[in-house]
Amino acid sequence: MSVRHASETPLAWISLLATTTHFVLETWYHVVWGQPLQALIVDYIGNALMVFAAIASLRIKPRSAAGLLAGAWCFYLGFGWRSVFGRLELAQSGQANVNGEAGFVLPLIGFGLVVVAICMIWALWLAYRQAVSAGDSE
């Protein structure tokens, strides 16, 4: 059995912090500016995936749940990418902000997308490392 990398535990805690922050801010956004229920449900699915992955990672020690963390961060990057670049496309074409939202929302979610990308690469690296070390032990 291969041993998990020491940085997986901090990533799991960061994942819980990030998903809690995302849940609160996304719910606030929904209440203040409104959005289609389908969009909110997709966000909540991402939150559920992240909570599941982070808790699994914290509970499964000394084994690894890096693949679950990687999957959850990839899911976050997917809908974050659409969110940021959809807003950028509207801004470049001179159209109004989505749902009449404030101008500060785009830079905030852009910064959030960078954080998600960093965590996703971190999780993918952990999952790759785990897969390679598991293959070596066979």
N, C-alpha and C. Protein backbone atom coordinates (compact mmCIF):
# COMPACT_ATOMS: atom_id res chain seq x y z
N MET A 1 0.85 -1.19 0.00
CA MET A 1 0.00 0.00 0.00
C MET A 1 0.88 1.24 0.00
N SER A 2 0.60 2.17 -0.87
CA SER A 2 1.38 3.40 -0.91
C SER A 2 0.83 4.40 0.12
N VAL A 3 1.70 5.23 0.60
CA VAL A 3 1.34 6.20 1.62
C VAL A 3 0.99 7.52 0.96
N ARG A 4 0.01 8.18 1.49
CA ARG A 4 -0.43 9.46 0.92
C ARG A 4 0.61 10.54 1.17
N HIS A 5 0.60 11.53 0.31
CA HIS A 5 1.52 12.66 0.44
C HIS A 5 1.06 13.55 1.60
N ALA A 6 2.01 14.14 2.30
CA ALA A 6 1.69 14.96 3.47
C ALA A 6 0.83 16.17 3.12
N SER A 7 0.88 16.64 1.89
CA SER A 7 0.10 17.83 1.53
C SER A 7 -1.37 17.53 1.24
N GLU A 8 -1.77 16.26 1.25
CA GLU A 8 -3.18 15.95 0.98
C GLU A 8 -4.09 16.44 2.10
N THR A 9 -3.64 16.32 3.35
CA THR A 9 -4.47 16.78 4.47
C THR A 9 -4.71 18.28 4.41
N PRO A 10 -3.67 19.12 4.20
CA PRO A 10 -3.97 20.56 4.04
C PRO A 10 -4.90 20.85 2.87
N LEU A 11 -4.73 20.12 1.76
CA LEU A 11 -5.63 20.32 0.62
C LEU A 11 -7.06 19.97 0.99
N ALA A 12 -7.26 18.92 1.76
CA ALA A 12 -8.61 18.55 2.19
C ALA A 12 -9.23 19.65 3.05
N TRP A 13 -8.45 20.22 3.97
CA TRP A 13 -8.97 21.32 4.81
C TRP A 13 -9.24 22.57 3.98
N ILE A 14 -8.35 22.87 3.02
CA ILE A 14 -8.58 24.01 2.12
C ILE A 14 -9.85 23.77 1.31
N SER A 15 -10.06 22.53 0.90
CA SER A 15 -11.26 22.18 0.14
C SER A 15 -12.53 22.44 0.95
N LEU A 16 -12.51 22.06 2.22
CA LEU A 16 -13.67 22.32 3.09
C LEU A 16 -13.88 23.82 3.29
N LEU A 17 -12.82 24.56 3.48
CA LEU A 17 -12.93 26.02 3.64
C LEU A 17 -13.47 26.65 2.36
N ALA A 18 -12.92 26.22 1.22
CA ALA A 18 -13.35 26.78 -0.06
C ALA A 18 -14.81 26.47 -0.35
N THR A 19 -15.24 25.24 -0.08
CA THR A 19 -16.62 24.89 -0.39
C THR A 19 -17.60 25.57 0.57
N THR A 20 -17.18 25.79 1.81
CA THR A 20 -18.04 26.53 2.75
C THR A 20 -18.19 27.98 2.29
N THR A 21 -17.07 28.59 1.90
CA THR A 21 -17.10 29.96 1.39
C THR A 21 -17.96 30.03 0.13
N HIS A 22 -17.77 29.08 -0.78
CA HIS A 22 -18.54 29.06 -2.01
C HIS A 22 -20.03 28.91 -1.74
N PHE A 23 -20.38 28.02 -0.83
CA PHE A 23 -21.79 27.81 -0.49
C PHE A 23 -22.43 29.10 0.03
N VAL A 24 -21.75 29.77 0.96
CA VAL A 24 -22.29 31.00 1.54
C VAL A 24 -22.41 32.09 0.48
N LEU A 25 -21.36 32.31 -0.30
CA LEU A 25 -21.39 33.39 -1.30
C LEU A 25 -22.37 33.09 -2.43
N GLU A 26 -22.44 31.85 -2.85
CA GLU A 26 -23.37 31.51 -3.94
C GLU A 26 -24.81 31.64 -3.48
N THR A 27 -25.10 31.26 -2.25
CA THR A 27 -26.45 31.42 -1.71
C THR A 27 -26.78 32.90 -1.59
N TRP A 28 -25.82 33.69 -1.12
CA TRP A 28 -26.01 35.14 -1.01
C TRP A 28 -26.28 35.75 -2.39
N TYR A 29 -25.47 35.35 -3.38
CA TYR A 29 -25.66 35.84 -4.75
C TYR A 29 -27.06 35.51 -5.24
N HIS A 30 -27.50 34.30 -4.99
CA HIS A 30 -28.82 33.86 -5.44
C HIS A 30 -29.92 34.71 -4.80
N VAL A 31 -29.77 35.04 -3.53
CA VAL A 31 -30.78 35.83 -2.82
C VAL A 31 -30.77 37.29 -3.32
N VAL A 32 -29.55 37.86 -3.49
CA VAL A 32 -29.44 39.28 -3.86
C VAL A 32 -29.76 39.52 -5.32
N TRP A 33 -29.14 38.78 -6.23
CA TRP A 33 -29.30 39.05 -7.65
C TRP A 33 -30.16 38.04 -8.38
N GLY A 34 -30.41 36.93 -7.77
CA GLY A 34 -31.21 35.90 -8.43
C GLY A 34 -30.43 35.21 -9.53
N GLN A 35 -30.79 34.02 -9.79
CA GLN A 35 -30.23 33.24 -10.89
C GLN A 35 -31.17 32.07 -11.12
N PRO A 36 -31.08 31.44 -12.27
CA PRO A 36 -31.94 30.27 -12.48
C PRO A 36 -31.64 29.19 -11.44
N LEU A 37 -32.67 28.50 -11.02
CA LEU A 37 -32.51 27.45 -10.02
C LEU A 37 -31.53 26.37 -10.50
N GLN A 38 -31.53 26.09 -11.80
CA GLN A 38 -30.61 25.09 -12.34
C GLN A 38 -29.15 25.48 -12.04
N ALA A 39 -28.82 26.76 -12.14
CA ALA A 39 -27.46 27.21 -11.87
C ALA A 39 -27.11 27.02 -10.40
N LEU A 40 -28.05 27.30 -9.52
CA LEU A 40 -27.81 27.12 -8.09
C LEU A 40 -27.65 25.63 -7.76
N ILE A 41 -28.43 24.79 -8.38
CA ILE A 41 -28.34 23.34 -8.13
C ILE A 41 -26.98 22.81 -8.55
N VAL A 42 -26.46 23.27 -9.69
CA VAL A 42 -25.14 22.84 -10.14
C VAL A 42 -24.08 23.25 -9.11
N ASP A 43 -24.20 24.45 -8.56
CA ASP A 43 -23.26 24.89 -7.53
C ASP A 43 -23.36 24.01 -6.29
N TYR A 44 -24.56 23.66 -5.91
CA TYR A 44 -24.75 22.82 -4.73
C TYR A 44 -24.25 21.38 -4.98
N ILE A 45 -24.36 20.90 -6.21
CA ILE A 45 -23.79 19.59 -6.55
C ILE A 45 -22.27 19.65 -6.38
N GLY A 46 -21.65 20.73 -6.85
CA GLY A 46 -20.21 20.91 -6.67
C GLY A 46 -19.82 20.95 -5.21
N ASN A 47 -20.63 21.64 -4.40
CA ASN A 47 -20.37 21.70 -2.96
C ASN A 47 -20.45 20.31 -2.34
N ALA A 48 -21.46 19.54 -2.73
CA ALA A 48 -21.60 18.19 -2.18
C ALA A 48 -20.42 17.30 -2.58
N LEU A 49 -19.99 17.40 -3.83
CA LEU A 49 -18.81 16.63 -4.27
C LEU A 49 -17.57 17.00 -3.47
N MET A 50 -17.38 18.29 -3.25
CA MET A 50 -16.19 18.75 -2.54
C MET A 50 -16.22 18.31 -1.07
N VAL A 51 -17.37 18.43 -0.43
CA VAL A 51 -17.48 17.99 0.97
C VAL A 51 -17.21 16.48 1.05
N PHE A 52 -17.81 15.71 0.15
CA PHE A 52 -17.59 14.26 0.15
C PHE A 52 -16.11 13.94 -0.04
N ALA A 53 -15.47 14.58 -1.01
CA ALA A 53 -14.05 14.31 -1.29
C ALA A 53 -13.16 14.70 -0.12
N ALA A 54 -13.41 15.86 0.46
CA ALA A 54 -12.56 16.32 1.56
C ALA A 54 -12.73 15.45 2.80
N ILE A 55 -13.96 15.11 3.13
CA ILE A 55 -14.19 14.25 4.31
C ILE A 55 -13.61 12.86 4.07
N ALA A 56 -13.78 12.34 2.86
CA ALA A 56 -13.19 11.04 2.55
C ALA A 56 -11.68 11.10 2.70
N SER A 57 -11.07 12.15 2.22
CA SER A 57 -9.62 12.30 2.34
C SER A 57 -9.17 12.36 3.79
N LEU A 58 -9.91 13.08 4.61
CA LEU A 58 -9.54 13.21 6.02
C LEU A 58 -9.77 11.91 6.80
N ARG A 59 -10.74 11.13 6.40
CA ARG A 59 -11.09 9.91 7.14
C ARG A 59 -10.32 8.67 6.69
N ILE A 60 -9.81 8.66 5.48
CA ILE A 60 -9.25 7.45 4.90
C ILE A 60 -7.76 7.26 5.22
N LYS A 61 -7.18 8.19 5.96
CA LYS A 61 -5.74 8.11 6.28
C LYS A 61 -5.39 6.72 6.78
N PRO A 62 -4.27 6.16 6.46
CA PRO A 62 -3.13 6.68 5.72
C PRO A 62 -3.26 6.51 4.20
N ARG A 63 -4.40 5.99 3.74
CA ARG A 63 -4.61 5.88 2.29
C ARG A 63 -4.97 7.24 1.73
N SER A 64 -5.19 7.31 0.43
CA SER A 64 -5.40 8.59 -0.23
C SER A 64 -6.76 8.65 -0.92
N ALA A 65 -7.34 9.84 -0.91
CA ALA A 65 -8.54 10.12 -1.69
C ALA A 65 -8.25 11.28 -2.65
N ALA A 66 -7.00 11.33 -3.11
CA ALA A 66 -6.59 12.42 -4.00
C ALA A 66 -7.40 12.45 -5.29
N GLY A 67 -7.78 11.29 -5.79
CA GLY A 67 -8.59 11.25 -7.02
C GLY A 67 -9.96 11.90 -6.83
N LEU A 68 -10.56 11.70 -5.67
CA LEU A 68 -11.85 12.35 -5.38
C LEU A 68 -11.67 13.86 -5.29
N LEU A 69 -10.60 14.29 -4.62
CA LEU A 69 -10.34 15.73 -4.53
C LEU A 69 -10.11 16.32 -5.92
N ALA A 70 -9.34 15.62 -6.74
CA ALA A 70 -9.07 16.10 -8.10
C ALA A 70 -10.38 16.22 -8.89
N GLY A 71 -11.24 15.21 -8.78
CA GLY A 71 -12.52 15.26 -9.49
C GLY A 71 -13.39 16.42 -9.06
N ALA A 72 -13.43 16.67 -7.74
CA ALA A 72 -14.25 17.78 -7.23
C ALA A 72 -13.70 19.13 -7.69
N TRP A 73 -12.37 19.30 -7.63
CA TRP A 73 -11.78 20.57 -8.08
C TRP A 73 -11.95 20.76 -9.58
N CYS A 74 -11.88 19.67 -10.36
CA CYS A 74 -12.11 19.77 -11.80
C CYS A 74 -13.55 20.19 -12.10
N PHE A 75 -14.50 19.67 -11.33
CA PHE A 75 -15.90 20.07 -11.49
C PHE A 75 -16.04 21.57 -11.19
N TYR A 76 -15.43 22.03 -10.10
CA TYR A 76 -15.47 23.46 -9.76
C TYR A 76 -14.87 24.30 -10.89
N LEU A 77 -13.74 23.86 -11.44
CA LEU A 77 -13.11 24.64 -12.51
C LEU A 77 -14.01 24.71 -13.73
N GLY A 78 -14.71 23.61 -14.02
CA GLY A 78 -15.59 23.60 -15.19
C GLY A 78 -16.69 24.64 -15.13
N PHE A 79 -17.43 24.70 -14.02
CA PHE A 79 -18.50 25.70 -14.00
C PHE A 79 -17.97 27.09 -13.66
N GLY A 80 -16.82 27.18 -13.00
CA GLY A 80 -16.21 28.49 -12.77
C GLY A 80 -15.70 29.11 -14.06
N TRP A 81 -15.14 28.26 -14.92
CA TRP A 81 -14.65 28.72 -16.22
C TRP A 81 -15.80 29.32 -17.03
N ARG A 82 -16.90 28.60 -17.09
CA ARG A 82 -18.06 29.10 -17.84
C ARG A 82 -18.57 30.41 -17.25
N SER A 83 -18.58 30.49 -15.95
CA SER A 83 -19.08 31.68 -15.27
C SER A 83 -18.21 32.90 -15.57
N VAL A 84 -16.92 32.76 -15.43
CA VAL A 84 -16.00 33.89 -15.66
C VAL A 84 -15.98 34.30 -17.12
N PHE A 85 -15.78 33.34 -18.01
CA PHE A 85 -15.63 33.71 -19.41
C PHE A 85 -16.94 34.08 -20.07
N GLY A 86 -18.06 33.61 -19.55
CA GLY A 86 -19.36 34.10 -20.03
C GLY A 86 -19.54 35.57 -19.70
N ARG A 87 -19.13 35.96 -18.49
CA ARG A 87 -19.22 37.37 -18.08
C ARG A 87 -18.24 38.23 -18.87
N LEU A 88 -17.03 37.72 -19.12
CA LEU A 88 -16.06 38.48 -19.92
C LEU A 88 -16.57 38.71 -21.34
N GLU A 89 -17.20 37.70 -21.90
CA GLU A 89 -17.76 37.84 -23.25
C GLU A 89 -18.84 38.92 -23.28
N LEU A 90 -19.70 38.94 -22.26
CA LEU A 90 -20.73 39.98 -22.19
C LEU A 90 -20.10 41.36 -22.05
N ALA A 91 -19.07 41.47 -21.21
CA ALA A 91 -18.41 42.76 -21.00
C ALA A 91 -17.75 43.26 -22.29
N GLN A 92 -17.12 42.36 -23.03
CA GLN A 92 -16.45 42.75 -24.26
C GLN A 92 -17.42 43.16 -25.35
N SER A 93 -18.62 42.61 -25.31
CA SER A 93 -19.61 42.98 -26.32
C SER A 93 -20.45 44.19 -25.87
N GLY A 94 -20.13 44.74 -24.69
CA GLY A 94 -20.81 45.93 -24.21
C GLY A 94 -22.19 45.67 -23.62
N GLN A 95 -22.51 44.43 -23.33
CA GLN A 95 -23.82 44.11 -22.75
C GLN A 95 -23.79 44.30 -21.24
N ALA A 96 -24.97 44.40 -20.66
CA ALA A 96 -25.11 44.61 -19.22
C ALA A 96 -24.66 43.38 -18.45
N ASN A 97 -24.27 43.59 -17.20
CA ASN A 97 -23.87 42.48 -16.33
C ASN A 97 -25.03 41.51 -16.14
N VAL A 98 -24.68 40.27 -15.90
CA VAL A 98 -25.66 39.21 -15.69
C VAL A 98 -26.53 39.57 -14.49
N ASN A 99 -27.82 39.45 -14.63
CA ASN A 99 -28.78 39.68 -13.54
C ASN A 99 -28.63 41.05 -12.88
N GLY A 100 -27.99 42.00 -13.56
CA GLY A 100 -27.78 43.33 -12.98
C GLY A 100 -26.79 43.33 -11.83
N GLU A 101 -25.90 42.35 -11.78
CA GLU A 101 -24.96 42.23 -10.67
C GLU A 101 -23.95 43.38 -10.68
N ALA A 102 -23.37 43.62 -9.52
CA ALA A 102 -22.38 44.69 -9.36
C ALA A 102 -21.11 44.36 -10.14
N GLY A 103 -20.36 45.40 -10.49
CA GLY A 103 -19.14 45.23 -11.26
C GLY A 103 -18.03 44.50 -10.52
N PHE A 104 -18.07 44.50 -9.20
CA PHE A 104 -17.00 43.84 -8.44
C PHE A 104 -17.09 42.31 -8.48
N VAL A 105 -18.19 41.78 -8.98
CA VAL A 105 -18.38 40.32 -8.97
C VAL A 105 -17.40 39.64 -9.93
N LEU A 106 -17.20 40.19 -11.12
CA LEU A 106 -16.32 39.56 -12.11
C LEU A 106 -14.88 39.43 -11.60
N PRO A 107 -14.26 40.48 -11.08
CA PRO A 107 -12.89 40.29 -10.55
C PRO A 107 -12.83 39.28 -9.41
N LEU A 108 -13.84 39.25 -8.57
CA LEU A 108 -13.85 38.28 -7.46
C LEU A 108 -13.92 36.85 -7.97
N ILE A 109 -14.81 36.59 -8.91
CA ILE A 109 -14.89 35.21 -9.40
C ILE A 109 -13.70 34.87 -10.29
N GLY A 110 -13.10 35.88 -10.92
CA GLY A 110 -11.86 35.64 -11.67
C GLY A 110 -10.74 35.21 -10.75
N PHE A 111 -10.61 35.90 -9.61
CA PHE A 111 -9.61 35.50 -8.61
C PHE A 111 -9.92 34.11 -8.07
N GLY A 112 -11.20 33.85 -7.82
CA GLY A 112 -11.60 32.53 -7.34
C GLY A 112 -11.24 31.44 -8.34
N LEU A 113 -11.38 31.73 -9.62
CA LEU A 113 -11.05 30.76 -10.66
C LEU A 113 -9.55 30.43 -10.63
N VAL A 114 -8.72 31.43 -10.39
CA VAL A 114 -7.27 31.18 -10.28
C VAL A 114 -6.99 30.26 -9.09
N VAL A 115 -7.62 30.52 -7.95
CA VAL A 115 -7.44 29.67 -6.77
C VAL A 115 -7.90 28.24 -7.06
N VAL A 116 -9.03 28.11 -7.72
CA VAL A 116 -9.55 26.78 -8.08
C VAL A 116 -8.56 26.06 -9.00
N ALA A 117 -8.01 26.77 -9.98
CA ALA A 117 -7.06 26.15 -10.90
C ALA A 117 -5.81 25.66 -10.16
N ILE A 118 -5.31 26.45 -9.22
CA ILE A 118 -4.14 26.04 -8.44
C ILE A 118 -4.45 24.79 -7.62
N CYS A 119 -5.59 24.79 -6.95
CA CYS A 119 -5.97 23.62 -6.13
C CYS A 119 -6.23 22.40 -7.01
N MET A 120 -6.79 22.61 -8.19
CA MET A 120 -7.03 21.50 -9.10
C MET A 120 -5.71 20.87 -9.54
N ILE A 121 -4.74 21.71 -9.90
CA ILE A 121 -3.43 21.18 -10.31
C ILE A 121 -2.78 20.43 -9.14
N TRP A 122 -2.89 20.99 -7.95
CA TRP A 122 -2.37 20.34 -6.75
C TRP A 122 -3.01 18.95 -6.56
N ALA A 123 -4.34 18.89 -6.66
CA ALA A 123 -5.05 17.63 -6.48
C ALA A 123 -4.72 16.64 -7.59
N LEU A 124 -4.61 17.12 -8.83
CA LEU A 124 -4.25 16.23 -9.93
C LEU A 124 -2.84 15.67 -9.74
N TRP A 125 -1.93 16.51 -9.26
CA TRP A 125 -0.57 16.04 -8.99
C TRP A 125 -0.58 14.96 -7.92
N LEU A 126 -1.35 15.17 -6.85
CA LEU A 126 -1.45 14.16 -5.79
C LEU A 126 -2.04 12.85 -6.33
N ALA A 127 -3.08 12.97 -7.15
CA ALA A 127 -3.72 11.77 -7.70
C ALA A 127 -2.76 11.04 -8.65
N TYR A 128 -2.04 11.78 -9.46
CA TYR A 128 -1.06 11.17 -10.37
C TYR A 128 0.04 10.47 -9.57
N ARG A 129 0.55 11.15 -8.57
CA ARG A 129 1.59 10.60 -7.71
C ARG A 129 1.10 9.30 -7.07
N GLN A 130 -0.13 9.33 -6.58
CA GLN A 130 -0.71 8.14 -5.93
C GLN A 130 -0.87 7.00 -6.93
N ALA A 131 -1.31 7.31 -8.13
CA ALA A 131 -1.51 6.27 -9.15
C ALA A 131 -0.17 5.66 -9.56
N VAL A 132 0.84 6.48 -9.73
CA VAL A 132 2.15 5.97 -10.13
C VAL A 132 2.75 5.11 -9.03
N SER A 133 2.63 5.56 -7.77
CA SER A 133 3.21 4.78 -6.66
C SER A 133 2.43 3.48 -6.44
N ALA A 134 1.13 3.48 -6.72
CA ALA A 134 0.35 2.25 -6.60
C ALA A 134 0.75 1.27 -7.69
N GLY A 135 1.02 1.79 -8.89
CA GLY A 135 1.45 0.94 -10.00
C GLY A 135 2.82 0.34 -9.74
N ASP A 136 3.70 1.07 -9.06
CA ASP A 136 5.04 0.57 -8.75
C ASP A 136 5.01 -0.56 -7.74
N SER A 137 4.00 -0.56 -6.86
CA SER A 137 3.96 -1.57 -5.82
C SER A 137 3.36 -2.89 -6.30
N GLU A 138 2.78 -2.90 -7.49
CA GLU A 138 2.16 -4.14 -8.01
C GLU A 138 3.18 -5.07 -8.62
